[in-house]
Amino acid sequence: EHAFADLEAKHEEVTMLIEDDEQFNEEERYIEQCQETFLRLKID
């Protein structure tokens, strides 16, 4: 859980440097996939 929180913080640093909406949405899909994997294993 600490590692995922750290990943989210680093993802915020990436998205803060993005101005293009399409690129921003692409990066959000990336973190959503990571979150889904994280939640499934956490529940298990």
ModelCIF file with pLDDT and N, C-alpha, C, O atoms, coordinates in Angstrom:
data_MODEL
#
_entry.id   MODEL 
#
_entity.id                         1 
_entity.type                       polymer 
_entity.pdbx_number_of_molecules   1 
#
_entity_poly.entity_id                      1 
_entity_poly.type                           'polypeptide(L)' 
_entity_poly.nstd_linkage                   no 
_entity_poly.nstd_monomer                   no 
_entity_poly.pdbx_seq_one_letter_code       EHAFADLEAKHEEVTMLIEDDEQFNEEERYIEQCQETFLRLKID 
_entity_poly.pdbx_seq_one_letter_code_can   EHAFADLEAKHEEVTMLIEDDEQFNEEERYIEQCQETFLRLKID 
_entity_poly.pdbx_strand_id                 A 
#
loop_
_entity_poly_seq.entity_id 
_entity_poly_seq.num 
_entity_poly_seq.mon_id 
_entity_poly_seq.hetero 
1 1  GLU n 
1 2  HIS n 
1 3  ALA n 
1 4  PHE n 
1 5  ALA n 
1 6  ASP n 
1 7  LEU n 
1 8  GLU n 
1 9  ALA n 
1 10 LYS n 
1 11 HIS n 
1 12 GLU n 
1 13 GLU n 
1 14 VAL n 
1 15 THR n 
1 16 MET n 
1 17 LEU n 
1 18 ILE n 
1 19 GLU n 
1 20 ASP n 
1 21 ASP n 
1 22 GLU n 
1 23 GLN n 
1 24 PHE n 
1 25 ASN n 
1 26 GLU n 
1 27 GLU n 
1 28 GLU n 
1 29 ARG n 
1 30 TYR n 
1 31 ILE n 
1 32 GLU n 
1 33 GLN n 
1 34 CYS n 
1 35 GLN n 
1 36 GLU n 
1 37 THR n 
1 38 PHE n 
1 39 LEU n 
1 40 ARG n 
1 41 LEU n 
1 42 LYS n 
1 43 ILE n 
1 44 ASP n 
#
_struct_asym.id          A 
_struct_asym.entity_id   1 
#
loop_
_ma_qa_metric.id 
_ma_qa_metric.mode 
_ma_qa_metric.name 
_ma_qa_metric.software_group_id 
_ma_qa_metric.type 
1 global pLDDT . pLDDT 
2 local  pLDDT . pLDDT 
#
_ma_qa_metric_global.metric_id      1 
_ma_qa_metric_global.metric_value   93.48 
_ma_qa_metric_global.model_id       1 
_ma_qa_metric_global.ordinal_id     1 
#
loop_
_ma_qa_metric_local.label_asym_id 
_ma_qa_metric_local.label_comp_id 
_ma_qa_metric_local.label_seq_id 
_ma_qa_metric_local.metric_id 
_ma_qa_metric_local.metric_value 
_ma_qa_metric_local.model_id 
_ma_qa_metric_local.ordinal_id 
A GLU 1  2 95.00 1 1  
A HIS 2  2 95.00 1 2  
A ALA 3  2 96.00 1 3  
A PHE 4  2 95.00 1 4  
A ALA 5  2 95.00 1 5  
A ASP 6  2 95.00 1 6  
A LEU 7  2 95.00 1 7  
A GLU 8  2 93.00 1 8  
A ALA 9  2 95.00 1 9  
A LYS 10 2 93.00 1 10 
A HIS 11 2 95.00 1 11 
A GLU 12 2 93.00 1 12 
A GLU 13 2 93.00 1 13 
A VAL 14 2 94.00 1 14 
A THR 15 2 94.00 1 15 
A MET 16 2 93.00 1 16 
A LEU 17 2 92.00 1 17 
A ILE 18 2 93.00 1 18 
A GLU 19 2 89.00 1 19 
A ASP 20 2 91.00 1 20 
A ASP 21 2 92.00 1 21 
A GLU 22 2 92.00 1 22 
A GLN 23 2 91.00 1 23 
A PHE 24 2 92.00 1 24 
A ASN 25 2 92.00 1 25 
A GLU 26 2 92.00 1 26 
A GLU 27 2 93.00 1 27 
A GLU 28 2 93.00 1 28 
A ARG 29 2 93.00 1 29 
A TYR 30 2 94.00 1 30 
A ILE 31 2 94.00 1 31 
A GLU 32 2 93.00 1 32 
A GLN 33 2 93.00 1 33 
A CYS 34 2 95.00 1 34 
A GLN 35 2 93.00 1 35 
A GLU 36 2 92.00 1 36 
A THR 37 2 95.00 1 37 
A PHE 38 2 94.00 1 38 
A LEU 39 2 94.00 1 39 
A ARG 40 2 94.00 1 40 
A LEU 41 2 95.00 1 41 
A LYS 42 2 94.00 1 42 
A ILE 43 2 95.00 1 43 
A ASP 44 2 94.00 1 44 
#
loop_
_atom_site.group_PDB 
_atom_site.id 
_atom_site.type_symbol 
_atom_site.label_atom_id 
_atom_site.label_alt_id 
_atom_site.label_comp_id 
_atom_site.label_asym_id 
_atom_site.label_entity_id 
_atom_site.label_seq_id 
_atom_site.pdbx_PDB_ins_code 
_atom_site.Cartn_x 
_atom_site.Cartn_y 
_atom_site.Cartn_z 
_atom_site.occupancy 
_atom_site.B_iso_or_equiv 
_atom_site.pdbx_formal_charge 
_atom_site.auth_seq_id 
_atom_site.auth_comp_id 
_atom_site.auth_asym_id 
_atom_site.auth_atom_id 
_atom_site.pdbx_PDB_model_num 
ATOM 1   N N  . GLU A 1 1  ? 0.827  -1.210  0.000   1.00 95.00 ? 1  GLU A N  1 
ATOM 2   C CA . GLU A 1 1  ? 0.000  0.000   0.000   1.00 95.00 ? 1  GLU A CA 1 
ATOM 3   C C  . GLU A 1 1  ? 0.861  1.258   0.000   1.00 95.00 ? 1  GLU A C  1 
ATOM 4   O O  . GLU A 1 1  ? 0.537  2.239   -0.671  1.00 95.00 ? 1  GLU A O  1 
ATOM 5   N N  . HIS A 1 2  ? 1.949  1.228   0.749   1.00 95.00 ? 2  HIS A N  1 
ATOM 6   C CA . HIS A 1 2  ? 2.862  2.386   0.735   1.00 95.00 ? 2  HIS A CA 1 
ATOM 7   C C  . HIS A 1 2  ? 3.472  2.593   -0.656  1.00 95.00 ? 2  HIS A C  1 
ATOM 8   O O  . HIS A 1 2  ? 3.636  3.725   -1.112  1.00 95.00 ? 2  HIS A O  1 
ATOM 9   N N  . ALA A 1 3  ? 3.803  1.488   -1.317  1.00 96.00 ? 3  ALA A N  1 
ATOM 10  C CA . ALA A 1 3  ? 4.393  1.586   -2.658  1.00 96.00 ? 3  ALA A CA 1 
ATOM 11  C C  . ALA A 1 3  ? 3.402  2.166   -3.655  1.00 96.00 ? 3  ALA A C  1 
ATOM 12  O O  . ALA A 1 3  ? 3.780  2.935   -4.538  1.00 96.00 ? 3  ALA A O  1 
ATOM 13  N N  . PHE A 1 4  ? 2.120  1.795   -3.511  1.00 95.00 ? 4  PHE A N  1 
ATOM 14  C CA . PHE A 1 4  ? 1.123  2.348   -4.443  1.00 95.00 ? 4  PHE A CA 1 
ATOM 15  C C  . PHE A 1 4  ? 0.908  3.843   -4.183  1.00 95.00 ? 4  PHE A C  1 
ATOM 16  O O  . PHE A 1 4  ? 0.735  4.624   -5.118  1.00 95.00 ? 4  PHE A O  1 
ATOM 17  N N  . ALA A 1 5  ? 0.920  4.231   -2.902  1.00 95.00 ? 5  ALA A N  1 
ATOM 18  C CA . ALA A 1 5  ? 0.787  5.651   -2.575  1.00 95.00 ? 5  ALA A CA 1 
ATOM 19  C C  . ALA A 1 5  ? 1.961  6.440   -3.159  1.00 95.00 ? 5  ALA A C  1 
ATOM 20  O O  . ALA A 1 5  ? 1.783  7.558   -3.642  1.00 95.00 ? 5  ALA A O  1 
ATOM 21  N N  . ASP A 1 6  ? 3.156  5.855   -3.111  1.00 95.00 ? 6  ASP A N  1 
ATOM 22  C CA . ASP A 1 6  ? 4.339  6.501   -3.685  1.00 95.00 ? 6  ASP A CA 1 
ATOM 23  C C  . ASP A 1 6  ? 4.210  6.602   -5.205  1.00 95.00 ? 6  ASP A C  1 
ATOM 24  O O  . ASP A 1 6  ? 4.607  7.603   -5.802  1.00 95.00 ? 6  ASP A O  1 
ATOM 25  N N  . LEU A 1 7  ? 3.646  5.549   -5.832  1.00 95.00 ? 7  LEU A N  1 
ATOM 26  C CA . LEU A 1 7  ? 3.451  5.569   -7.288  1.00 95.00 ? 7  LEU A CA 1 
ATOM 27  C C  . LEU A 1 7  ? 2.462  6.664   -7.676  1.00 95.00 ? 7  LEU A C  1 
ATOM 28  O O  . LEU A 1 7  ? 2.664  7.363   -8.669  1.00 95.00 ? 7  LEU A O  1 
ATOM 29  N N  . GLU A 1 8  ? 1.388  6.814   -6.889  1.00 93.00 ? 8  GLU A N  1 
ATOM 30  C CA . GLU A 1 8  ? 0.415  7.866   -7.191  1.00 93.00 ? 8  GLU A CA 1 
ATOM 31  C C  . GLU A 1 8  ? 1.059  9.254   -7.105  1.00 93.00 ? 8  GLU A C  1 
ATOM 32  O O  . GLU A 1 8  ? 0.779  10.125  -7.928  1.00 93.00 ? 8  GLU A O  1 
ATOM 33  N N  . ALA A 1 9  ? 1.924  9.452   -6.103  1.00 95.00 ? 9  ALA A N  1 
ATOM 34  C CA . ALA A 1 9  ? 2.592  10.750  -5.963  1.00 95.00 ? 9  ALA A CA 1 
ATOM 35  C C  . ALA A 1 9  ? 3.492  11.038  -7.165  1.00 95.00 ? 9  ALA A C  1 
ATOM 36  O O  . ALA A 1 9  ? 3.540  12.163  -7.662  1.00 95.00 ? 9  ALA A O  1 
ATOM 37  N N  . LYS A 1 10 ? 4.206  10.004  -7.625  1.00 93.00 ? 10 LYS A N  1 
ATOM 38  C CA . LYS A 1 10 ? 5.081  10.190  -8.785  1.00 93.00 ? 10 LYS A CA 1 
ATOM 39  C C  . LYS A 1 10 ? 4.269  10.381  -10.061 1.00 93.00 ? 10 LYS A C  1 
ATOM 40  O O  . LYS A 1 10 ? 4.699  11.074  -10.983 1.00 93.00 ? 10 LYS A O  1 
ATOM 41  N N  . HIS A 1 11 ? 3.088  9.761   -10.107 1.00 95.00 ? 11 HIS A N  1 
ATOM 42  C CA . HIS A 1 11 ? 2.216  9.971   -11.269 1.00 95.00 ? 11 HIS A CA 1 
ATOM 43  C C  . HIS A 1 11 ? 1.729  11.418  -11.311 1.00 95.00 ? 11 HIS A C  1 
ATOM 44  O O  . HIS A 1 11 ? 1.619  12.005  -12.387 1.00 95.00 ? 11 HIS A O  1 
ATOM 45  N N  . GLU A 1 12 ? 1.439  11.992  -10.147 1.00 93.00 ? 12 GLU A N  1 
ATOM 46  C CA . GLU A 1 12 ? 1.019  13.395  -10.099 1.00 93.00 ? 12 GLU A CA 1 
ATOM 47  C C  . GLU A 1 12 ? 2.121  14.313  -10.626 1.00 93.00 ? 12 GLU A C  1 
ATOM 48  O O  . GLU A 1 12 ? 1.831  15.316  -11.278 1.00 93.00 ? 12 GLU A O  1 
ATOM 49  N N  . GLU A 1 13 ? 3.370  13.979  -10.352 1.00 93.00 ? 13 GLU A N  1 
ATOM 50  C CA . GLU A 1 13 ? 4.482  14.788  -10.858 1.00 93.00 ? 13 GLU A CA 1 
ATOM 51  C C  . GLU A 1 13 ? 4.528  14.746  -12.387 1.00 93.00 ? 13 GLU A C  1 
ATOM 52  O O  . GLU A 1 13 ? 4.869  15.732  -13.041 1.00 93.00 ? 13 GLU A O  1 
ATOM 53  N N  . VAL A 1 14 ? 4.175  13.574  -12.942 1.00 94.00 ? 14 VAL A N  1 
ATOM 54  C CA . VAL A 1 14 ? 4.171  13.450  -14.409 1.00 94.00 ? 14 VAL A CA 1 
ATOM 55  C C  . VAL A 1 14 ? 3.055  14.280  -15.011 1.00 94.00 ? 14 VAL A C  1 
ATOM 56  O O  . VAL A 1 14 ? 3.273  15.046  -15.949 1.00 94.00 ? 14 VAL A O  1 
ATOM 57  N N  . THR A 1 15 ? 1.845  14.122  -14.462 1.00 94.00 ? 15 THR A N  1 
ATOM 58  C CA . THR A 1 15 ? 0.691  14.815  -15.056 1.00 94.00 ? 15 THR A CA 1 
ATOM 59  C C  . THR A 1 15 ? 0.764  16.326  -14.888 1.00 94.00 ? 15 THR A C  1 
ATOM 60  O O  . THR A 1 15 ? 0.166  17.063  -15.672 1.00 94.00 ? 15 THR A O  1 
ATOM 61  N N  . MET A 1 16 ? 1.491  16.801  -13.872 1.00 93.00 ? 16 MET A N  1 
ATOM 62  C CA . MET A 1 16 ? 1.639  18.249  -13.699 1.00 93.00 ? 16 MET A CA 1 
ATOM 63  C C  . MET A 1 16 ? 2.414  18.880  -14.848 1.00 93.00 ? 16 MET A C  1 
ATOM 64  O O  . MET A 1 16 ? 2.295  20.082  -15.086 1.00 93.00 ? 16 MET A O  1 
ATOM 65  N N  . LEU A 1 17 ? 3.201  18.092  -15.559 1.00 92.00 ? 17 LEU A N  1 
ATOM 66  C CA . LEU A 1 17 ? 4.014  18.603  -16.669 1.00 92.00 ? 17 LEU A CA 1 
ATOM 67  C C  . LEU A 1 17 ? 3.341  18.420  -18.021 1.00 92.00 ? 17 LEU A C  1 
ATOM 68  O O  . LEU A 1 17 ? 3.939  18.720  -19.054 1.00 92.00 ? 17 LEU A O  1 
ATOM 69  N N  . ILE A 1 18 ? 2.080  17.920  -18.028 1.00 93.00 ? 18 ILE A N  1 
ATOM 70  C CA . ILE A 1 18 ? 1.374  17.662  -19.289 1.00 93.00 ? 18 ILE A CA 1 
ATOM 71  C C  . ILE A 1 18 ? 0.352  18.769  -19.539 1.00 93.00 ? 18 ILE A C  1 
ATOM 72  O O  . ILE A 1 18 ? -0.445 19.096  -18.660 1.00 93.00 ? 18 ILE A O  1 
ATOM 73  N N  . GLU A 1 19 ? 0.379  19.341  -20.734 1.00 89.00 ? 19 GLU A N  1 
ATOM 74  C CA . GLU A 1 19 ? -0.598 20.355  -21.125 1.00 89.00 ? 19 GLU A CA 1 
ATOM 75  C C  . GLU A 1 19 ? -1.626 19.806  -22.091 1.00 89.00 ? 19 GLU A C  1 
ATOM 76  O O  . GLU A 1 19 ? -2.761 20.282  -22.125 1.00 89.00 ? 19 GLU A O  1 
ATOM 77  N N  . ASP A 1 20 ? -1.250 18.825  -22.866 1.00 91.00 ? 20 ASP A N  1 
ATOM 78  C CA . ASP A 1 20 ? -2.147 18.261  -23.879 1.00 91.00 ? 20 ASP A CA 1 
ATOM 79  C C  . ASP A 1 20 ? -3.161 17.326  -23.207 1.00 91.00 ? 20 ASP A C  1 
ATOM 80  O O  . ASP A 1 20 ? -2.778 16.428  -22.456 1.00 91.00 ? 20 ASP A O  1 
ATOM 81  N N  . ASP A 1 21 ? -4.463 17.541  -23.481 1.00 92.00 ? 21 ASP A N  1 
ATOM 82  C CA . ASP A 1 21 ? -5.528 16.745  -22.854 1.00 92.00 ? 21 ASP A CA 1 
ATOM 83  C C  . ASP A 1 21 ? -5.476 15.278  -23.271 1.00 92.00 ? 21 ASP A C  1 
ATOM 84  O O  . ASP A 1 21 ? -5.690 14.387  -22.450 1.00 92.00 ? 21 ASP A O  1 
ATOM 85  N N  . GLU A 1 22 ? -5.195 15.033  -24.532 1.00 92.00 ? 22 GLU A N  1 
ATOM 86  C CA . GLU A 1 22 ? -5.162 13.649  -25.010 1.00 92.00 ? 22 GLU A CA 1 
ATOM 87  C C  . GLU A 1 22 ? -4.030 12.872  -24.341 1.00 92.00 ? 22 GLU A C  1 
ATOM 88  O O  . GLU A 1 22 ? -4.212 11.720  -23.947 1.00 92.00 ? 22 GLU A O  1 
ATOM 89  N N  . GLN A 1 23 ? -2.879 13.495  -24.216 1.00 91.00 ? 23 GLN A N  1 
ATOM 90  C CA . GLN A 1 23 ? -1.760 12.836  -23.533 1.00 91.00 ? 23 GLN A CA 1 
ATOM 91  C C  . GLN A 1 23 ? -2.065 12.631  -22.040 1.00 91.00 ? 23 GLN A C  1 
ATOM 92  O O  . GLN A 1 23 ? -1.689 11.622  -21.442 1.00 91.00 ? 23 GLN A O  1 
ATOM 93  N N  . PHE A 1 24 ? -2.756 13.622  -21.461 1.00 92.00 ? 24 PHE A N  1 
ATOM 94  C CA . PHE A 1 24 ? -3.134 13.498  -20.056 1.00 92.00 ? 24 PHE A CA 1 
ATOM 95  C C  . PHE A 1 24 ? -4.066 12.297  -19.846 1.00 92.00 ? 24 PHE A C  1 
ATOM 96  O O  . PHE A 1 24 ? -3.888 11.531  -18.899 1.00 92.00 ? 24 PHE A O  1 
ATOM 97  N N  . ASN A 1 25 ? -5.051 12.138  -20.723 1.00 92.00 ? 25 ASN A N  1 
ATOM 98  C CA . ASN A 1 25 ? -5.985 11.009  -20.614 1.00 92.00 ? 25 ASN A CA 1 
ATOM 99  C C  . ASN A 1 25 ? -5.267 9.671   -20.780 1.00 92.00 ? 25 ASN A C  1 
ATOM 100 O O  . ASN A 1 25 ? -5.622 8.681   -20.140 1.00 92.00 ? 25 ASN A O  1 
ATOM 101 N N  . GLU A 1 26 ? -4.267 9.653   -21.634 1.00 92.00 ? 26 GLU A N  1 
ATOM 102 C CA . GLU A 1 26 ? -3.493 8.425   -21.831 1.00 92.00 ? 26 GLU A CA 1 
ATOM 103 C C  . GLU A 1 26 ? -2.738 8.047   -20.549 1.00 92.00 ? 26 GLU A C  1 
ATOM 104 O O  . GLU A 1 26 ? -2.692 6.876   -20.174 1.00 92.00 ? 26 GLU A O  1 
ATOM 105 N N  . GLU A 1 27 ? -2.155 9.037   -19.890 1.00 93.00 ? 27 GLU A N  1 
ATOM 106 C CA . GLU A 1 27 ? -1.438 8.770   -18.644 1.00 93.00 ? 27 GLU A CA 1 
ATOM 107 C C  . GLU A 1 27 ? -2.396 8.339   -17.522 1.00 93.00 ? 27 GLU A C  1 
ATOM 108 O O  . GLU A 1 27 ? -2.032 7.544   -16.655 1.00 93.00 ? 27 GLU A O  1 
ATOM 109 N N  . GLU A 1 28 ? -3.625 8.876   -17.551 1.00 93.00 ? 28 GLU A N  1 
ATOM 110 C CA . GLU A 1 28 ? -4.619 8.492   -16.548 1.00 93.00 ? 28 GLU A CA 1 
ATOM 111 C C  . GLU A 1 28 ? -5.049 7.034   -16.733 1.00 93.00 ? 28 GLU A C  1 
ATOM 112 O O  . GLU A 1 28 ? -5.282 6.314   -15.762 1.00 93.00 ? 28 GLU A O  1 
ATOM 113 N N  . ARG A 1 29 ? -5.150 6.613   -18.001 1.00 93.00 ? 29 ARG A N  1 
ATOM 114 C CA . ARG A 1 29 ? -5.478 5.201   -18.244 1.00 93.00 ? 29 ARG A CA 1 
ATOM 115 C C  . ARG A 1 29 ? -4.383 4.288   -17.703 1.00 93.00 ? 29 ARG A C  1 
ATOM 116 O O  . ARG A 1 29 ? -4.657 3.183   -17.235 1.00 93.00 ? 29 ARG A O  1 
ATOM 117 N N  . TYR A 1 30 ? -3.165 4.751   -17.772 1.00 94.00 ? 30 TYR A N  1 
ATOM 118 C CA . TYR A 1 30 ? -2.027 3.982   -17.249 1.00 94.00 ? 30 TYR A CA 1 
ATOM 119 C C  . TYR A 1 30 ? -2.162 3.770   -15.734 1.00 94.00 ? 30 TYR A C  1 
ATOM 120 O O  . TYR A 1 30 ? -2.014 2.651   -15.242 1.00 94.00 ? 30 TYR A O  1 
ATOM 121 N N  . ILE A 1 31 ? -2.447 4.862   -15.001 1.00 94.00 ? 31 ILE A N  1 
ATOM 122 C CA . ILE A 1 31 ? -2.534 4.740   -13.532 1.00 94.00 ? 31 ILE A CA 1 
ATOM 123 C C  . ILE A 1 31 ? -3.787 3.963   -13.123 1.00 94.00 ? 31 ILE A C  1 
ATOM 124 O O  . ILE A 1 31 ? -3.794 3.299   -12.086 1.00 94.00 ? 31 ILE A O  1 
ATOM 125 N N  . GLU A 1 32 ? -4.852 4.044   -13.940 1.00 93.00 ? 32 GLU A N  1 
ATOM 126 C CA . GLU A 1 32 ? -6.060 3.280   -13.638 1.00 93.00 ? 32 GLU A CA 1 
ATOM 127 C C  . GLU A 1 32 ? -5.801 1.774   -13.747 1.00 93.00 ? 32 GLU A C  1 
ATOM 128 O O  . GLU A 1 32 ? -6.325 1.001   -12.945 1.00 93.00 ? 32 GLU A O  1 
ATOM 129 N N  . GLN A 1 33 ? -5.016 1.358   -14.708 1.00 93.00 ? 33 GLN A N  1 
ATOM 130 C CA . GLN A 1 33 ? -4.648 -0.050  -14.825 1.00 93.00 ? 33 GLN A CA 1 
ATOM 131 C C  . GLN A 1 33 ? -3.823 -0.502  -13.625 1.00 93.00 ? 33 GLN A C  1 
ATOM 132 O O  . GLN A 1 33 ? -4.019 -1.589  -13.082 1.00 93.00 ? 33 GLN A O  1 
ATOM 133 N N  . CYS A 1 34 ? -2.889 0.374   -13.227 1.00 95.00 ? 34 CYS A N  1 
ATOM 134 C CA . CYS A 1 34 ? -2.090 0.049   -12.039 1.00 95.00 ? 34 CYS A CA 1 
ATOM 135 C C  . CYS A 1 34 ? -2.974 -0.065  -10.796 1.00 95.00 ? 34 CYS A C  1 
ATOM 136 O O  . CYS A 1 34 ? -2.772 -0.946  -9.961  1.00 95.00 ? 34 CYS A O  1 
ATOM 137 N N  . GLN A 1 35 ? -3.943 0.824   -10.684 1.00 93.00 ? 35 GLN A N  1 
ATOM 138 C CA . GLN A 1 35 ? -4.849 0.815   -9.536  1.00 93.00 ? 35 GLN A CA 1 
ATOM 139 C C  . GLN A 1 35 ? -5.707 -0.443  -9.512  1.00 93.00 ? 35 GLN A C  1 
ATOM 140 O O  . GLN A 1 35 ? -5.927 -1.022  -8.449  1.00 93.00 ? 35 GLN A O  1 
ATOM 141 N N  . GLU A 1 36 ? -6.188 -0.865  -10.659 1.00 92.00 ? 36 GLU A N  1 
ATOM 142 C CA . GLU A 1 36 ? -7.017 -2.075  -10.722 1.00 92.00 ? 36 GLU A CA 1 
ATOM 143 C C  . GLU A 1 36 ? -6.224 -3.300  -10.267 1.00 92.00 ? 36 GLU A C  1 
ATOM 144 O O  . GLU A 1 36 ? -6.724 -4.119  -9.495  1.00 92.00 ? 36 GLU A O  1 
ATOM 145 N N  . THR A 1 37 ? -4.987 -3.420  -10.747 1.00 95.00 ? 37 THR A N  1 
ATOM 146 C CA . THR A 1 37 ? -4.127 -4.534  -10.325 1.00 95.00 ? 37 THR A CA 1 
ATOM 147 C C  . THR A 1 37 ? -3.871 -4.482  -8.823  1.00 95.00 ? 37 THR A C  1 
ATOM 148 O O  . THR A 1 37 ? -3.906 -5.502  -8.134  1.00 95.00 ? 37 THR A O  1 
ATOM 149 N N  . PHE A 1 38 ? -3.613 -3.280  -8.336  1.00 94.00 ? 38 PHE A N  1 
ATOM 150 C CA . PHE A 1 38 ? -3.354 -3.093  -6.905  1.00 94.00 ? 38 PHE A CA 1 
ATOM 151 C C  . PHE A 1 38 ? -4.563 -3.509  -6.059  1.00 94.00 ? 38 PHE A C  1 
ATOM 152 O O  . PHE A 1 38 ? -4.410 -4.223  -5.068  1.00 94.00 ? 38 PHE A O  1 
ATOM 153 N N  . LEU A 1 39 ? -5.754 -3.066  -6.444  1.00 94.00 ? 39 LEU A N  1 
ATOM 154 C CA . LEU A 1 39 ? -6.950 -3.353  -5.655  1.00 94.00 ? 39 LEU A CA 1 
ATOM 155 C C  . LEU A 1 39 ? -7.287 -4.840  -5.650  1.00 94.00 ? 39 LEU A C  1 
ATOM 156 O O  . LEU A 1 39 ? -7.698 -5.380  -4.623  1.00 94.00 ? 39 LEU A O  1 
ATOM 157 N N  . ARG A 1 40 ? -7.118 -5.498  -6.781  1.00 94.00 ? 40 ARG A N  1 
ATOM 158 C CA . ARG A 1 40 ? -7.415 -6.936  -6.847  1.00 94.00 ? 40 ARG A CA 1 
ATOM 159 C C  . ARG A 1 40 ? -6.520 -7.731  -5.897  1.00 94.00 ? 40 ARG A C  1 
ATOM 160 O O  . ARG A 1 40 ? -6.992 -8.608  -5.173  1.00 94.00 ? 40 ARG A O  1 
ATOM 161 N N  . LEU A 1 41 ? -5.244 -7.421  -5.908  1.00 95.00 ? 41 LEU A N  1 
ATOM 162 C CA . LEU A 1 41 ? -4.309 -8.146  -5.044  1.00 95.00 ? 41 LEU A CA 1 
ATOM 163 C C  . LEU A 1 41 ? -4.535 -7.784  -3.576  1.00 95.00 ? 41 LEU A C  1 
ATOM 164 O O  . LEU A 1 41 ? -4.392 -8.632  -2.695  1.00 95.00 ? 41 LEU A O  1 
ATOM 165 N N  . LYS A 1 42 ? -4.885 -6.536  -3.320  1.00 94.00 ? 42 LYS A N  1 
ATOM 166 C CA . LYS A 1 42 ? -5.172 -6.116  -1.947  1.00 94.00 ? 42 LYS A CA 1 
ATOM 167 C C  . LYS A 1 42 ? -6.373 -6.881  -1.389  1.00 94.00 ? 42 LYS A C  1 
ATOM 168 O O  . LYS A 1 42 ? -6.352 -7.328  -0.242  1.00 94.00 ? 42 LYS A O  1 
ATOM 169 N N  . ILE A 1 43 ? -7.416 -7.029  -2.201  1.00 95.00 ? 43 ILE A N  1 
ATOM 170 C CA . ILE A 1 43 ? -8.607 -7.768  -1.769  1.00 95.00 ? 43 ILE A CA 1 
ATOM 171 C C  . ILE A 1 43 ? -8.272 -9.229  -1.512  1.00 95.00 ? 43 ILE A C  1 
ATOM 172 O O  . ILE A 1 43 ? -8.736 -9.811  -0.532  1.00 95.00 ? 43 ILE A O  1 
ATOM 173 N N  . ASP A 1 44 ? -7.462 -9.827  -2.393  1.00 94.00 ? 44 ASP A N  1 
ATOM 174 C CA . ASP A 1 44 ? -7.045 -11.225 -2.195  1.00 94.00 ? 44 ASP A CA 1 
ATOM 175 C C  . ASP A 1 44 ? -6.295 -11.392 -0.874  1.00 94.00 ? 44 ASP A C  1 
ATOM 176 O O  . ASP A 1 44 ? -5.870 -12.499 -0.540  1.00 94.00 ? 44 ASP A O  1 
#
